């Protein structure tokens, strides 16, 4: 799984998965032993859960970097490569 960014103790990763609900573009956020998967298009949690503040930060980060995340999704699924994304500041 590719680590795209880290901010405020949150680690955001991405990998391509073909099965529901993970076949659509998404990222995984980890913090304090909790994990959630977020739809890149909507920012909605599609699996798991994190503290509300952590989820809000990941959603904000997704909103800021949506185009980069879609580009990374395509790169990762087609070529197996990715690029780092700026952290939330």
C-alpha atoms as a PDB file:
ATOM      1  CA  UNK A   1       0.000   0.000   0.000  1.00  0.00           C
ATOM      2  CA  UNK A   2       1.411   3.385  -1.037  1.00  0.00           C
ATOM      3  CA  UNK A   3       1.814   6.037   1.663  1.00  0.00           C
ATOM      4  CA  UNK A   4       0.681   9.296   0.057  1.00  0.00           C
ATOM      5  CA  UNK A   5       0.878  11.714   2.970  1.00  0.00           C
ATOM      6  CA  UNK A   6       1.196  12.125   6.740  1.00  0.00           C
ATOM      7  CA  UNK A   7      -0.192  14.987   8.838  1.00  0.00           C
ATOM      8  CA  UNK A   8      -1.148  15.499  12.487  1.00  0.00           C
ATOM      9  CA  UNK A   9      -0.362  11.851  13.207  1.00  0.00           C
ATOM     10  CA  UNK A  10      -2.668  10.649  10.419  1.00  0.00           C
ATOM     11  CA  UNK A  11      -1.212   8.384   7.724  1.00  0.00           C
ATOM     12  CA  UNK A  12      -3.000   8.324   4.351  1.00  0.00           C
ATOM     13  CA  UNK A  13      -2.417   5.411   1.997  1.00  0.00           C
ATOM     14  CA  UNK A  14      -3.824   4.153  -1.284  1.00  0.00           C
ATOM     15  CA  UNK A  15      -4.002   0.858  -3.085  1.00  0.00           C
ATOM     16  CA  UNK A  16      -6.114  -0.484  -5.922  1.00  0.00           C
ATOM     17  CA  UNK A  17      -8.785  -2.973  -4.919  1.00  0.00           C
ATOM     18  CA  UNK A  18     -11.304  -4.431  -7.336  1.00  0.00           C
ATOM     19  CA  UNK A  19     -13.965  -5.647  -4.928  1.00  0.00           C
ATOM     20  CA  UNK A  20     -16.916  -3.675  -3.504  1.00  0.00           C
ATOM     21  CA  UNK A  21     -16.954  -1.139  -1.926  1.00  0.00           C
ATOM     22  CA  UNK A  22     -13.294  -0.584  -2.682  1.00  0.00           C
ATOM     23  CA  UNK A  23     -13.345  -0.700  -6.483  1.00  0.00           C
ATOM     24  CA  UNK A  24     -13.922   3.042  -6.692  1.00  0.00           C
ATOM     25  CA  UNK A  25     -11.133   5.566  -6.063  1.00  0.00           C
ATOM     26  CA  UNK A  26     -10.458   5.812  -2.333  1.00  0.00           C
ATOM     27  CA  UNK A  27      -7.817   6.377   0.316  1.00  0.00           C
ATOM     28  CA  UNK A  28      -7.227   4.765   3.696  1.00  0.00           C
ATOM     29  CA  UNK A  29      -6.598   6.916   6.761  1.00  0.00           C
ATOM     30  CA  UNK A  30      -4.956   5.604   9.953  1.00  0.00           C
ATOM     31  CA  UNK A  31      -4.588   7.272  13.335  1.00  0.00           C
ATOM     32  CA  UNK A  32      -4.436   6.043  16.929  1.00  0.00           C
ATOM     33  CA  UNK A  33      -5.167   2.443  15.994  1.00  0.00           C
ATOM     34  CA  UNK A  34      -8.268   3.293  13.964  1.00  0.00           C
ATOM     35  CA  UNK A  35      -8.698   3.083  10.196  1.00  0.00           C
ATOM     36  CA  UNK A  36     -11.262   4.324   7.683  1.00  0.00           C
ATOM     37  CA  UNK A  37     -11.546   4.239   3.898  1.00  0.00           C
ATOM     38  CA  UNK A  38     -12.723   7.434   2.182  1.00  0.00           C
ATOM     39  CA  UNK A  39     -14.290   7.817  -1.261  1.00  0.00           C
ATOM     40  CA  UNK A  40     -12.184  10.382  -3.146  1.00  0.00           C
ATOM     41  CA  UNK A  41     -15.158  11.782  -5.069  1.00  0.00           C
ATOM     42  CA  UNK A  42     -17.407  12.449  -2.069  1.00  0.00           C
ATOM     43  CA  UNK A  43     -15.116  12.257   0.964  1.00  0.00           C
ATOM     44  CA  UNK A  44     -17.586   9.822   2.547  1.00  0.00           C
ATOM     45  CA  UNK A  45     -16.357   6.997   4.772  1.00  0.00           C
ATOM     46  CA  UNK A  46     -16.971   3.750   2.890  1.00  0.00           C
ATOM     47  CA  UNK A  47     -15.504   1.396   5.494  1.00  0.00           C
ATOM     48  CA  UNK A  48     -14.176   1.579   9.040  1.00  0.00           C
ATOM     49  CA  UNK A  49     -14.173   4.626  11.293  1.00  0.00           C
ATOM     50  CA  UNK A  50     -11.897   7.176  12.898  1.00  0.00           C
ATOM     51  CA  UNK A  51     -12.457   9.866  15.514  1.00  0.00           C
ATOM     52  CA  UNK A  52     -14.701  12.641  14.155  1.00  0.00           C
ATOM     53  CA  UNK A  53     -11.873  15.222  14.169  1.00  0.00           C
ATOM     54  CA  UNK A  54      -9.560  12.860  12.273  1.00  0.00           C
ATOM     55  CA  UNK A  55     -12.259  12.107   9.697  1.00  0.00           C
ATOM     56  CA  UNK A  56     -12.852  15.845   9.237  1.00  0.00           C
ATOM     57  CA  UNK A  57      -9.134  16.438   8.619  1.00  0.00           C
ATOM     58  CA  UNK A  58      -8.915  13.626   6.067  1.00  0.00           C
ATOM     59  CA  UNK A  59     -12.033  14.960   4.290  1.00  0.00           C
ATOM     60  CA  UNK A  60     -10.531  18.473   4.160  1.00  0.00           C
ATOM     61  CA  UNK A  61      -7.270  17.078   2.792  1.00  0.00           C
ATOM     62  CA  UNK A  62      -9.157  15.060   0.146  1.00  0.00           C
ATOM     63  CA  UNK A  63     -11.087  18.161  -0.919  1.00  0.00           C
ATOM     64  CA  UNK A  64      -7.884  20.175  -1.333  1.00  0.00           C
ATOM     65  CA  UNK A  65      -6.025  17.407  -3.226  1.00  0.00           C
ATOM     66  CA  UNK A  66      -8.854  15.650  -5.111  1.00  0.00           C
ATOM     67  CA  UNK A  67      -7.281  16.027  -8.584  1.00  0.00           C
ATOM     68  CA  UNK A  68      -3.922  14.733  -7.361  1.00  0.00           C
ATOM     69  CA  UNK A  69      -5.626  11.772  -5.689  1.00  0.00           C
ATOM     70  CA  UNK A  70      -7.458  10.812  -8.879  1.00  0.00           C
ATOM     71  CA  UNK A  71      -4.151  11.063 -10.773  1.00  0.00           C
ATOM     72  CA  UNK A  72      -2.496   8.829  -8.170  1.00  0.00           C
ATOM     73  CA  UNK A  73      -5.371   6.321  -8.395  1.00  0.00           C
ATOM     74  CA  UNK A  74      -4.831   6.068 -12.145  1.00  0.00           C
ATOM     75  CA  UNK A  75      -1.041   5.796 -11.837  1.00  0.00           C
ATOM     76  CA  UNK A  76      -1.221   3.180  -9.113  1.00  0.00           C
ATOM     77  CA  UNK A  77      -3.771   1.039 -10.939  1.00  0.00           C
ATOM     78  CA  UNK A  78      -2.143   1.274 -14.376  1.00  0.00           C
ATOM     79  CA  UNK A  79       1.585   1.497 -13.623  1.00  0.00           C
ATOM     80  CA  UNK A  80       1.994   0.626  -9.956  1.00  0.00           C
ATOM     81  CA  UNK A  81       3.614   4.009  -9.275  1.00  0.00           C
ATOM     82  CA  UNK A  82       2.470   7.023  -7.260  1.00  0.00           C
ATOM     83  CA  UNK A  83       3.618  10.434  -6.053  1.00  0.00           C
ATOM     84  CA  UNK A  84       3.503  11.981  -2.582  1.00  0.00           C
ATOM     85  CA  UNK A  85       0.782  14.531  -1.817  1.00  0.00           C
ATOM     86  CA  UNK A  86       1.360  17.595   0.370  1.00  0.00           C
ATOM     87  CA  UNK A  87       0.165  17.173   3.941  1.00  0.00           C
ATOM     88  CA  UNK A  88      -2.607  19.203   5.543  1.00  0.00           C
ATOM     89  CA  UNK A  89      -1.064  22.235   7.252  1.00  0.00           C
END
